[in-house]
Amino acid sequence: MLKKNRPQLDMFDHIIFEKLVPKDHLLVKINSIIDFSFIYDLVKDQYSPIGRGSKDPVMLVKIFLLEYLYRLSDVEVVKRIQTDIVFRWFLNLGINDTVPDDTTLSFFRVQRLTEEHFEAFFTEIVKKCIEKDLIRTNRFIIDSTDVAANINYPSIKKLARTAFNKVIQAVAEFNEPLAAEISAMIESELDLTYEKSEKVSWQKHLEITQKYVDILYIKTYDELQTNQKYLEAFGLCYDLLDQYIHNKKDKIVSIVDPDARVAHKSKGTVKKGYKDHIIIDEDSEIILASSQTPFNVGDGKKLQELLQKAETQVGLKPKELSADKAYGETENRAFLKK
């Protein structure tokens, strides 16, 4: 049940906040500009009209903002709120009020909110900045920033083995004897292959894995038509094998985070993860639109989308745009001229 957390701070809290919260603090400035109450309307459909009380969604979204501004994890931000007087003031929490735990934050982010919610929060905040006349220039800047994936980067053999094991685990849930049979068969063939050769190439390793994926496809065809969980595990393994065996450009690099990608940032420098493509107002440096992609997506591919999002979502269209040479594609120049 949606609960608006607007506790009445007692006189003791007011005295402490008045003495200890700096008037020029960033969070004080943000709070003076942005009224976050719009969040209630945006999330009301995510709550049941009956049931026990929930944590205030405005407070939770503000905590996500604190995580972004100060680069904190769920666990870290909870610890910081417990001791940081300005964080408590920003969240309207008194000295004796309890802090939401990291599990509550994670549940709210994953179960209550969607990508569309975060996009709506972002857009509303930018609109409020425009209303306060914080965006006054007609010159925008576009660029991207790296967002590292929080994953290990395993060898190709280990990647294939992990993907196949997940397929076997999914099979075991509906046909345990078949899972045991296939698992024993591939283990036996791999062991025999390694006995015959001191060094087995990853290509050979993947070819053997592909053989048993094909066997499973035939034996479990009907299950693949109806079992979504199995289909996802099977499809991930199949795509991974296909990408590496046929040396495709776009390759999965993690089973934990299959959307992450690897690209060469510069000679000898390999990056893995994502890119956050942003367009900002030159004067205020406020982000006006953003788009997230795997790391191997070129910067120039997002120029038109970001400009169109800034125009359609918040009604802003620049007279000038600054960008580095990665954006100087002929198609982009023609778009800008038009």
Protein backbone atom coordinates (compact mmCIF):
# COMPACT_ATOMS: atom_id res chain seq x y z
CA MET A 1 0.00 0.00 0.00
CA LEU A 2 1.41 3.35 -1.06
CA LYS A 3 2.51 5.32 1.98
CA LYS A 4 3.64 8.92 1.93
CA ASN A 5 6.40 9.27 4.48
CA ARG A 6 6.09 12.83 5.73
CA PRO A 7 6.97 12.60 9.42
CA GLN A 8 6.74 15.67 11.58
CA LEU A 9 10.30 16.46 12.61
CA ASP A 10 10.44 17.47 16.25
CA MET A 11 12.05 20.64 17.58
CA PHE A 12 15.24 18.75 18.46
CA ASP A 13 15.63 17.61 14.84
CA HIS A 14 15.03 21.14 13.53
CA ILE A 15 17.66 22.59 15.84
CA ILE A 16 20.25 19.99 14.80
CA PHE A 17 19.54 20.41 11.08
CA GLU A 18 19.61 24.20 11.35
CA LYS A 19 23.01 24.16 13.01
CA LEU A 20 24.71 21.39 11.02
CA VAL A 21 23.30 21.47 7.46
CA PRO A 22 25.33 23.92 5.31
CA LYS A 23 23.12 26.35 3.42
CA ASP A 24 25.24 26.04 0.27
CA HIS A 25 25.31 22.23 0.23
CA LEU A 26 24.47 20.57 -3.11
CA LEU A 27 21.54 18.66 -1.61
CA VAL A 28 20.10 21.87 -0.15
CA LYS A 29 20.25 23.45 -3.61
CA ILE A 30 18.58 20.44 -5.21
CA ASN A 31 15.85 20.40 -2.60
CA SER A 32 15.13 24.09 -3.16
CA ILE A 33 14.60 23.51 -6.89
CA ILE A 34 12.98 20.09 -7.18
CA ASP A 35 9.68 19.11 -5.60
CA PHE A 36 9.85 15.32 -5.73
CA SER A 37 6.16 14.78 -4.90
CA PHE A 38 5.48 14.06 -8.60
CA ILE A 39 6.88 10.57 -7.91
CA TYR A 40 3.71 9.55 -6.05
CA ASP A 41 1.57 9.83 -9.19
CA LEU A 42 4.14 8.05 -11.35
CA VAL A 43 4.34 4.96 -9.13
CA LYS A 44 0.80 4.72 -7.70
CA ASP A 45 -0.16 1.90 -10.10
CA GLN A 46 2.70 -0.22 -8.73
CA TYR A 47 1.02 -0.49 -5.33
CA SER A 48 -2.02 -2.33 -4.04
CA PRO A 49 -4.78 -0.29 -2.35
CA ILE A 50 -4.79 -2.82 0.50
CA GLY A 51 -2.03 -4.42 2.54
CA ARG A 52 0.61 -3.30 4.98
CA GLY A 53 2.28 0.09 4.74
CA SER A 54 5.18 0.57 2.35
CA LYS A 55 8.30 2.68 2.48
CA ASP A 56 7.85 6.16 1.05
CA PRO A 57 8.68 5.96 -2.71
CA VAL A 58 9.87 9.59 -2.76
CA MET A 59 12.42 8.79 -0.08
CA LEU A 60 13.55 5.66 -1.94
CA VAL A 61 13.98 7.49 -5.25
CA LYS A 62 15.92 10.22 -3.44
CA ILE A 63 18.19 7.50 -2.07
CA PHE A 64 18.86 6.32 -5.64
CA LEU A 65 19.80 9.92 -6.47
CA LEU A 66 22.24 9.92 -3.54
CA GLU A 67 23.76 6.69 -4.85
CA TYR A 68 24.31 8.30 -8.24
CA LEU A 69 25.69 11.59 -6.95
CA TYR A 70 28.08 10.04 -4.45
CA ARG A 71 28.81 6.73 -6.21
CA LEU A 72 27.45 4.52 -3.46
CA SER A 73 26.05 0.98 -3.49
CA ASP A 74 22.83 0.01 -1.70
CA VAL A 75 24.81 -1.20 1.32
CA GLU A 76 27.07 1.86 1.34
CA VAL A 77 24.26 4.40 1.05
CA VAL A 78 22.37 2.83 3.98
CA LYS A 79 25.46 3.13 6.18
CA ARG A 80 26.00 6.71 5.02
CA ILE A 81 22.40 7.72 5.80
CA GLN A 82 22.79 6.38 9.32
CA THR A 83 25.59 8.85 10.08
CA ASP A 84 25.34 11.70 7.54
CA ILE A 85 23.20 14.54 8.86
CA VAL A 86 22.70 16.17 5.44
CA PHE A 87 21.53 12.87 3.93
CA ARG A 88 18.96 12.56 6.72
CA TRP A 89 17.77 16.13 6.19
CA PHE A 90 17.46 15.53 2.43
CA LEU A 91 15.37 12.41 3.05
CA ASN A 92 13.24 14.10 5.75
CA LEU A 93 14.40 11.55 8.32
CA GLY A 94 14.70 12.59 11.93
CA ILE A 95 17.63 11.61 14.14
CA ASN A 96 15.72 8.65 15.59
CA ASP A 97 13.98 7.50 12.40
CA THR A 98 14.97 4.11 10.98
CA VAL A 99 16.73 3.84 7.64
CA PRO A 100 15.46 1.47 4.88
CA ASP A 101 17.73 -1.54 4.51
CA ASP A 102 19.57 -2.41 1.30
CA THR A 103 17.12 -5.28 0.57
CA THR A 104 14.23 -2.80 0.53
CA LEU A 105 16.12 -0.61 -1.94
CA SER A 106 16.87 -3.56 -4.21
CA PHE A 107 13.28 -4.82 -4.11
CA PHE A 108 11.88 -1.38 -4.90
CA ARG A 109 14.27 -0.92 -7.83
CA VAL A 110 13.72 -4.36 -9.35
CA GLN A 111 10.13 -5.25 -8.43
CA ARG A 112 8.35 -1.89 -8.26
CA LEU A 113 10.09 0.14 -10.92
CA THR A 114 10.68 -0.31 -14.64
CA GLU A 115 12.99 1.39 -17.09
CA GLU A 116 10.04 3.60 -18.06
CA HIS A 117 9.71 4.81 -14.46
CA PHE A 118 13.32 5.93 -14.30
CA GLU A 119 12.97 7.66 -17.67
CA ALA A 120 9.88 9.47 -16.37
CA PHE A 121 11.68 10.54 -13.15
CA PHE A 122 14.55 11.87 -15.23
CA THR A 123 12.30 13.77 -17.64
CA GLU A 124 10.26 15.40 -14.84
CA ILE A 125 13.40 16.60 -13.06
CA VAL A 126 14.77 18.14 -16.28
CA LYS A 127 11.42 19.88 -16.85
CA LYS A 128 11.59 21.38 -13.37
CA CYS A 129 15.11 22.64 -14.09
CA ILE A 130 13.76 24.32 -17.23
CA GLU A 131 10.92 25.88 -15.21
CA LYS A 132 13.51 27.32 -12.81
CA ASP A 133 15.39 28.85 -15.77
CA LEU A 134 18.53 26.81 -15.09
CA ILE A 135 18.95 25.95 -18.78
CA ARG A 136 19.55 29.21 -20.62
CA THR A 137 21.88 28.41 -23.53
CA ASN A 138 21.25 27.14 -27.04
CA ARG A 139 24.48 25.16 -27.13
CA PHE A 140 24.56 21.48 -26.15
CA ILE A 141 27.42 19.02 -25.73
CA ILE A 142 27.16 15.32 -26.55
CA ASP A 143 29.48 12.57 -25.37
CA SER A 144 29.58 9.12 -23.79
CA THR A 145 31.02 7.78 -20.57
CA ASP A 146 32.16 4.24 -19.79
CA VAL A 147 30.15 2.20 -17.29
CA ALA A 148 32.15 -0.84 -16.21
CA ALA A 149 30.29 -4.12 -15.90
CA ASN A 150 30.54 -5.62 -12.43
CA ILE A 151 31.57 -9.03 -13.76
CA ASN A 152 34.55 -11.31 -14.22
CA TYR A 153 35.91 -11.80 -17.72
CA PRO A 154 36.34 -15.59 -18.03
CA SER A 155 38.15 -17.54 -20.73
CA ILE A 156 36.14 -18.67 -23.73
CA LYS A 157 36.25 -22.28 -22.52
CA LYS A 158 34.95 -21.34 -19.08
CA LEU A 159 32.30 -19.12 -20.64
CA ALA A 160 31.01 -22.03 -22.75
CA ARG A 161 31.17 -24.46 -19.84
CA THR A 162 29.20 -22.12 -17.57
CA ALA A 163 26.55 -21.54 -20.24
CA PHE A 164 26.18 -25.28 -20.88
CA ASN A 165 25.97 -26.05 -17.16
CA LYS A 166 23.06 -23.63 -16.86
CA VAL A 167 21.32 -25.50 -19.67
CA ILE A 168 21.88 -28.80 -17.85
CA GLN A 169 20.51 -27.29 -14.63
CA ALA A 170 17.38 -26.17 -16.48
CA VAL A 171 16.95 -29.64 -18.03
CA ALA A 172 17.31 -31.28 -14.61
CA GLU A 173 14.23 -29.42 -13.40
CA PHE A 174 11.98 -31.29 -15.84
CA ASN A 175 14.05 -34.37 -16.80
CA GLU A 176 16.77 -35.19 -14.29
CA PRO A 177 17.82 -38.54 -15.91
CA LEU A 178 18.39 -36.82 -19.27
CA ALA A 179 20.43 -34.04 -17.62
CA ALA A 180 22.61 -36.61 -15.87
CA GLU A 181 23.04 -38.62 -19.07
CA ILE A 182 24.08 -35.65 -21.24
CA SER A 183 26.32 -34.26 -18.52
CA ALA A 184 28.16 -37.60 -18.20
CA MET A 185 28.51 -37.91 -21.97
CA ILE A 186 30.10 -34.49 -22.50
CA GLU A 187 32.38 -34.93 -19.48
CA SER A 188 33.57 -38.28 -20.85
CA GLU A 189 34.26 -36.88 -24.34
CA LEU A 190 36.07 -33.81 -23.01
CA ASP A 191 38.19 -35.94 -20.67
CA LEU A 192 39.11 -38.25 -23.55
CA THR A 193 39.97 -35.30 -25.78
CA TYR A 194 42.27 -33.79 -23.15
CA GLU A 195 43.97 -37.16 -22.59
CA LYS A 196 44.86 -37.41 -26.28
CA SER A 197 46.28 -33.89 -26.54
CA GLU A 198 48.34 -31.75 -24.19
CA LYS A 199 46.60 -28.65 -25.44
CA VAL A 200 43.01 -28.48 -26.65
CA SER A 201 41.99 -25.31 -28.47
CA TRP A 202 38.94 -23.37 -27.36
CA GLN A 203 37.52 -23.99 -30.84
CA LYS A 204 37.59 -27.76 -30.27
CA HIS A 205 36.13 -27.33 -26.81
CA LEU A 206 33.23 -25.31 -28.23
CA GLU A 207 32.64 -27.77 -31.06
CA ILE A 208 32.19 -30.60 -28.54
CA THR A 209 29.82 -28.43 -26.50
CA GLN A 210 27.85 -27.58 -29.65
CA LYS A 211 27.45 -31.29 -30.41
CA TYR A 212 25.64 -31.88 -27.12
CA VAL A 213 23.58 -28.71 -27.41
CA ASP A 214 22.33 -30.09 -30.75
CA ILE A 215 21.50 -33.42 -29.10
CA LEU A 216 19.53 -31.61 -26.40
CA TYR A 217 17.68 -29.61 -29.02
CA ILE A 218 16.39 -32.82 -30.62
CA LYS A 219 15.56 -34.53 -27.32
CA THR A 220 13.86 -31.53 -25.70
CA TYR A 221 12.25 -29.82 -28.70
CA ASP A 222 8.74 -29.91 -27.22
CA GLU A 223 9.95 -28.50 -23.89
CA LEU A 224 11.62 -25.59 -25.67
CA GLN A 225 8.25 -24.56 -27.08
CA THR A 226 6.68 -24.05 -23.65
CA ASN A 227 9.38 -23.75 -20.97
CA GLN A 228 10.51 -20.11 -20.96
CA LYS A 229 13.21 -20.57 -18.33
CA TYR A 230 14.77 -23.46 -20.25
CA LEU A 231 14.45 -21.59 -23.55
CA GLU A 232 16.36 -18.60 -22.14
CA ALA A 233 19.23 -20.77 -20.85
CA PHE A 234 19.35 -22.78 -24.06
CA GLY A 235 19.17 -19.69 -26.27
CA LEU A 236 21.99 -17.96 -24.38
CA CYS A 237 24.26 -21.00 -24.71
CA TYR A 238 23.36 -21.47 -28.39
CA ASP A 239 24.01 -17.81 -29.22
CA LEU A 240 27.34 -17.83 -27.38
CA LEU A 241 28.59 -20.92 -29.23
CA ASP A 242 27.42 -19.54 -32.57
CA GLN A 243 29.15 -16.19 -31.99
CA TYR A 244 32.54 -17.66 -31.11
CA ILE A 245 32.58 -20.63 -33.50
CA HIS A 246 31.74 -18.34 -36.43
CA ASN A 247 33.85 -15.44 -35.06
CA LYS A 248 31.01 -12.93 -35.11
CA LYS A 249 31.76 -9.35 -34.14
CA ASP A 250 29.14 -9.04 -31.40
CA LYS A 251 30.00 -11.61 -28.71
CA ILE A 252 28.65 -12.42 -25.25
CA VAL A 253 31.39 -11.97 -22.64
CA SER A 254 29.52 -12.91 -19.46
CA ILE A 255 26.77 -15.34 -18.55
CA VAL A 256 25.99 -13.29 -15.43
CA ASP A 257 25.54 -10.10 -17.48
CA PRO A 258 24.88 -11.22 -21.08
CA ASP A 259 24.18 -7.68 -22.31
CA ALA A 260 27.71 -6.47 -21.48
CA ARG A 261 30.17 -6.23 -24.35
CA VAL A 262 33.89 -5.77 -24.92
CA ALA A 263 35.53 -3.22 -27.20
CA HIS A 264 39.00 -1.76 -27.75
CA LYS A 265 38.98 1.78 -26.38
CA SER A 266 42.49 2.36 -27.69
CA LYS A 267 45.46 0.24 -28.75
CA GLY A 268 46.11 -2.32 -26.03
CA THR A 269 43.16 -1.12 -23.89
CA VAL A 270 40.16 -3.40 -23.67
CA LYS A 271 36.97 -2.19 -22.01
CA LYS A 272 34.00 -4.32 -20.96
CA GLY A 273 30.54 -3.23 -19.98
CA TYR A 274 28.37 -0.40 -21.18
CA LYS A 275 28.28 3.20 -22.37
CA ASP A 276 26.10 5.98 -21.03
CA HIS A 277 25.46 8.35 -23.95
CA ILE A 278 24.43 11.82 -22.73
CA ILE A 279 23.61 15.25 -24.07
CA ILE A 280 24.05 18.22 -21.72
CA ASP A 281 23.42 21.94 -21.59
CA GLU A 282 26.82 23.67 -21.93
CA ASP A 283 26.20 26.33 -19.28
CA SER A 284 24.52 24.41 -16.45
CA GLU A 285 25.97 20.98 -17.38
CA ILE A 286 22.55 19.48 -16.68
CA ILE A 287 21.96 16.21 -18.53
CA LEU A 288 19.01 16.62 -20.88
CA ALA A 289 18.77 13.12 -22.35
CA SER A 290 20.61 9.84 -22.05
CA SER A 291 20.78 6.39 -23.58
CA GLN A 292 22.57 3.26 -22.37
CA THR A 293 24.13 0.69 -24.70
CA PRO A 294 26.65 -2.18 -24.62
CA PHE A 295 30.21 -0.89 -24.85
CA ASN A 296 30.74 -1.88 -28.48
CA VAL A 297 28.06 0.50 -29.80
CA GLY A 298 29.72 3.49 -31.50
CA ASP A 299 29.13 6.96 -30.05
CA GLY A 300 27.92 8.40 -33.34
CA LYS A 301 25.03 5.96 -33.51
CA LYS A 302 23.26 7.76 -30.66
CA LEU A 303 23.50 11.41 -31.76
CA GLN A 304 20.17 11.58 -33.55
CA GLU A 305 18.32 9.66 -30.85
CA LEU A 306 19.58 11.93 -28.07
CA LEU A 307 18.70 15.13 -29.90
CA GLN A 308 15.23 13.80 -30.68
CA LYS A 309 14.69 12.71 -27.06
CA ALA A 310 15.68 16.17 -25.80
CA GLU A 311 13.19 17.75 -28.19
CA THR A 312 10.25 15.38 -27.70
CA GLN A 313 10.61 14.84 -23.93
CA VAL A 314 11.53 18.30 -22.67
CA GLY A 315 11.02 20.55 -25.70
CA LEU A 316 14.65 21.63 -26.15
CA LYS A 317 16.38 22.01 -29.50
CA PRO A 318 19.90 23.49 -29.69
CA LYS A 319 21.23 25.98 -32.22
CA GLU A 320 24.75 24.60 -31.77
CA LEU A 321 26.09 21.19 -30.80
CA SER A 322 29.63 20.29 -29.70
CA ALA A 323 30.92 16.75 -30.20
CA ASP A 324 34.20 14.97 -30.86
CA LYS A 325 35.12 13.40 -34.18
CA ALA A 326 33.43 10.08 -33.33
CA TYR A 327 30.12 11.84 -34.09
CA GLY A 328 31.23 13.34 -37.41
CA GLU A 329 29.62 10.73 -39.64
CA THR A 330 28.14 11.96 -42.90
CA GLU A 331 24.68 10.82 -41.83
CA ASN A 332 24.91 12.85 -38.61
CA ARG A 333 26.14 15.97 -40.42
CA ALA A 334 23.24 15.73 -42.86
CA PHE A 335 20.81 15.29 -39.95
CA LEU A 336 22.18 18.34 -38.15
CA LYS A 337 22.07 20.48 -41.25
CA LYS A 338 18.48 19.49 -41.91
